[in-house]
Amino acid sequence: MFHGCFLILERVGFDKVLKKIGPLRYVYAFFVANIGWVFFRADNIRLGFQMLKRMFLFWQYPVNGYSVREFLDNHTLFVLVCAVLGMGILQEILRRIRIGEKNALEAWEFSWGEIIFLGVVMVLSIMSLASSTYNPFIYFRF
């Protein structure tokens, strides 16, 4: 239902606004997806809204004694770097530099660098999942 509401919103004209804001549409998609994940993860709607309040009104809640350094280890930094590189923003910038004025389909080139990078990320992800002792299956509720 959540996804359908945004599809309807975009079909009735919001897609024109998204096309005008250019790269900020990635931020829009990021926030919509994150809010969707919160409701997917929450046990009920009330808990989902409580989680959103903690996410977006964080200054109203006391700090629980943890510092950011306790969560930033090498694994987390690696995942963050891969996430930023995999978001598509860097690829879009490189594509625009490469294409110039040419048609996007004509300018598409086979890139060994991207294939190797994605292959390495996939292998490391599989290794991380295989070596992990905690691997929750998120669809158990359904």
Protein backbone atom coordinates (compact mmCIF):
# COMPACT_ATOMS: atom_id res chain seq x y z
CA MET A 1 0.00 0.00 0.00
CA PHE A 2 2.86 2.36 0.88
CA HIS A 3 4.56 1.75 -2.46
CA GLY A 4 1.29 2.11 -4.33
CA CYS A 5 0.63 5.53 -2.79
CA PHE A 6 3.94 6.83 -4.11
CA LEU A 7 3.29 5.30 -7.53
CA ILE A 8 -0.05 7.09 -7.72
CA LEU A 9 1.51 10.35 -6.50
CA GLU A 10 4.17 10.17 -9.19
CA ARG A 11 1.67 9.29 -11.92
CA VAL A 12 -0.58 12.26 -11.17
CA GLY A 13 2.23 14.74 -11.74
CA PHE A 14 4.88 14.53 -9.04
CA ASP A 15 7.22 12.85 -11.53
CA LYS A 16 7.52 16.21 -13.33
CA VAL A 17 8.79 17.78 -10.12
CA LEU A 18 11.26 14.92 -9.65
CA LYS A 19 12.63 15.40 -13.17
CA LYS A 20 13.18 19.10 -12.48
CA ILE A 21 15.13 18.60 -9.26
CA GLY A 22 17.69 16.37 -10.98
CA PRO A 23 20.12 14.66 -8.60
CA LEU A 24 17.93 15.43 -5.57
CA ARG A 25 15.54 12.75 -6.79
CA TYR A 26 18.09 10.23 -5.46
CA VAL A 27 17.64 11.76 -1.99
CA TYR A 28 13.85 11.53 -2.40
CA ALA A 29 14.10 7.85 -3.38
CA PHE A 30 16.46 7.17 -0.47
CA PHE A 31 14.07 8.67 2.09
CA VAL A 32 11.00 6.95 0.64
CA ALA A 33 12.81 3.59 0.64
CA ASN A 34 14.06 4.06 4.21
CA ILE A 35 10.61 4.95 5.48
CA GLY A 36 9.24 1.88 3.71
CA TRP A 37 11.88 -0.31 5.33
CA VAL A 38 10.96 1.05 8.77
CA PHE A 39 7.33 0.02 8.32
CA PHE A 40 8.39 -3.33 6.86
CA ARG A 41 10.58 -3.99 9.90
CA ALA A 42 8.22 -2.69 12.58
CA ASP A 43 5.89 -5.13 14.30
CA ASN A 44 2.99 -2.66 14.11
CA ILE A 45 2.18 0.81 12.77
CA ARG A 46 2.59 2.49 16.16
CA LEU A 47 6.10 1.09 16.57
CA GLY A 48 6.89 2.19 13.01
CA PHE A 49 5.92 5.78 13.79
CA GLN A 50 7.94 5.65 17.02
CA MET A 51 10.97 4.51 15.03
CA LEU A 52 10.47 7.35 12.53
CA LYS A 53 10.24 9.87 15.38
CA ARG A 54 13.57 8.62 16.73
CA MET A 55 15.12 8.83 13.26
CA PHE A 56 13.96 12.32 12.33
CA LEU A 57 13.51 14.01 15.73
CA PHE A 58 16.68 12.60 17.28
CA TRP A 59 17.41 15.80 19.27
CA GLN A 60 14.31 15.16 21.42
CA TYR A 61 15.65 11.88 22.74
CA PRO A 62 18.54 11.43 25.16
CA VAL A 63 21.71 9.79 23.98
CA ASN A 64 21.97 6.24 25.27
CA GLY A 65 25.67 6.40 26.11
CA TYR A 66 27.07 5.05 22.85
CA SER A 67 29.47 7.02 20.73
CA VAL A 68 29.75 6.84 16.96
CA ARG A 69 33.26 5.39 17.29
CA GLU A 70 31.83 2.27 18.92
CA PHE A 71 29.92 1.48 15.73
CA LEU A 72 32.54 2.46 13.15
CA ASP A 73 34.87 -0.46 12.64
CA ASN A 74 36.64 -1.46 9.42
CA HIS A 75 33.74 -3.62 8.26
CA THR A 76 31.21 -0.80 8.70
CA LEU A 77 33.42 1.72 6.90
CA PHE A 78 33.90 -0.74 4.03
CA VAL A 79 30.15 -1.25 3.72
CA LEU A 80 29.55 2.52 3.77
CA VAL A 81 32.12 3.12 1.02
CA CYS A 82 30.61 0.32 -1.10
CA ALA A 83 27.13 1.74 -0.52
CA VAL A 84 28.14 5.20 -1.69
CA LEU A 85 29.94 3.79 -4.72
CA GLY A 86 26.99 1.55 -5.53
CA MET A 87 24.32 4.25 -5.26
CA GLY A 88 24.72 5.22 -8.86
CA ILE A 89 25.69 8.84 -8.33
CA LEU A 90 29.34 8.21 -9.15
CA GLN A 91 28.35 6.13 -12.18
CA GLU A 92 26.02 8.90 -13.37
CA ILE A 93 28.78 11.50 -13.09
CA LEU A 94 31.20 9.29 -15.02
CA ARG A 95 28.54 8.56 -17.64
CA ARG A 96 27.87 12.24 -18.20
CA ILE A 97 31.58 12.97 -18.54
CA ARG A 98 32.03 10.08 -20.99
CA ILE A 99 28.94 10.75 -23.09
CA GLY A 100 29.07 14.47 -23.58
CA GLU A 101 26.39 15.12 -26.17
CA LYS A 102 26.01 11.55 -27.52
CA ASN A 103 22.93 9.42 -27.09
CA ALA A 104 23.10 7.33 -23.90
CA LEU A 105 22.43 4.03 -25.70
CA GLU A 106 25.08 4.73 -28.33
CA ALA A 107 27.64 5.66 -25.68
CA TRP A 108 27.14 2.59 -23.48
CA GLU A 109 30.44 0.83 -23.18
CA PHE A 110 31.47 -2.47 -21.68
CA SER A 111 33.35 -1.62 -18.48
CA TRP A 112 35.64 -4.26 -17.01
CA GLY A 113 36.27 -2.03 -13.98
CA GLU A 114 32.61 -1.98 -12.99
CA ILE A 115 32.23 -5.72 -13.55
CA ILE A 116 35.30 -6.52 -11.44
CA PHE A 117 34.19 -4.12 -8.69
CA LEU A 118 30.68 -5.60 -8.55
CA GLY A 119 32.08 -9.13 -8.62
CA VAL A 120 34.40 -8.39 -5.69
CA VAL A 121 31.54 -6.81 -3.72
CA MET A 122 29.34 -9.85 -4.40
CA VAL A 123 32.05 -12.32 -3.31
CA LEU A 124 32.78 -10.33 -0.14
CA SER A 125 29.06 -10.13 0.65
CA ILE A 126 28.65 -13.89 0.26
CA MET A 127 31.72 -14.51 2.41
CA SER A 128 30.35 -12.17 5.08
CA LEU A 129 26.98 -13.94 5.08
CA ALA A 130 28.57 -17.39 5.17
CA SER A 131 30.86 -16.55 8.08
CA SER A 132 28.23 -14.77 10.14
CA THR A 133 26.65 -16.56 13.08
CA TYR A 134 23.63 -14.25 13.08
CA ASN A 135 21.75 -14.29 9.79
CA PRO A 136 18.09 -13.37 10.32
CA PHE A 137 15.64 -14.18 7.58
CA ILE A 138 13.53 -11.03 7.26
CA TYR A 139 10.52 -12.69 5.63
CA PHE A 140 9.73 -15.03 8.54
CA ARG A 141 6.62 -12.98 9.38
CA PHE A 142 4.99 -13.79 6.07
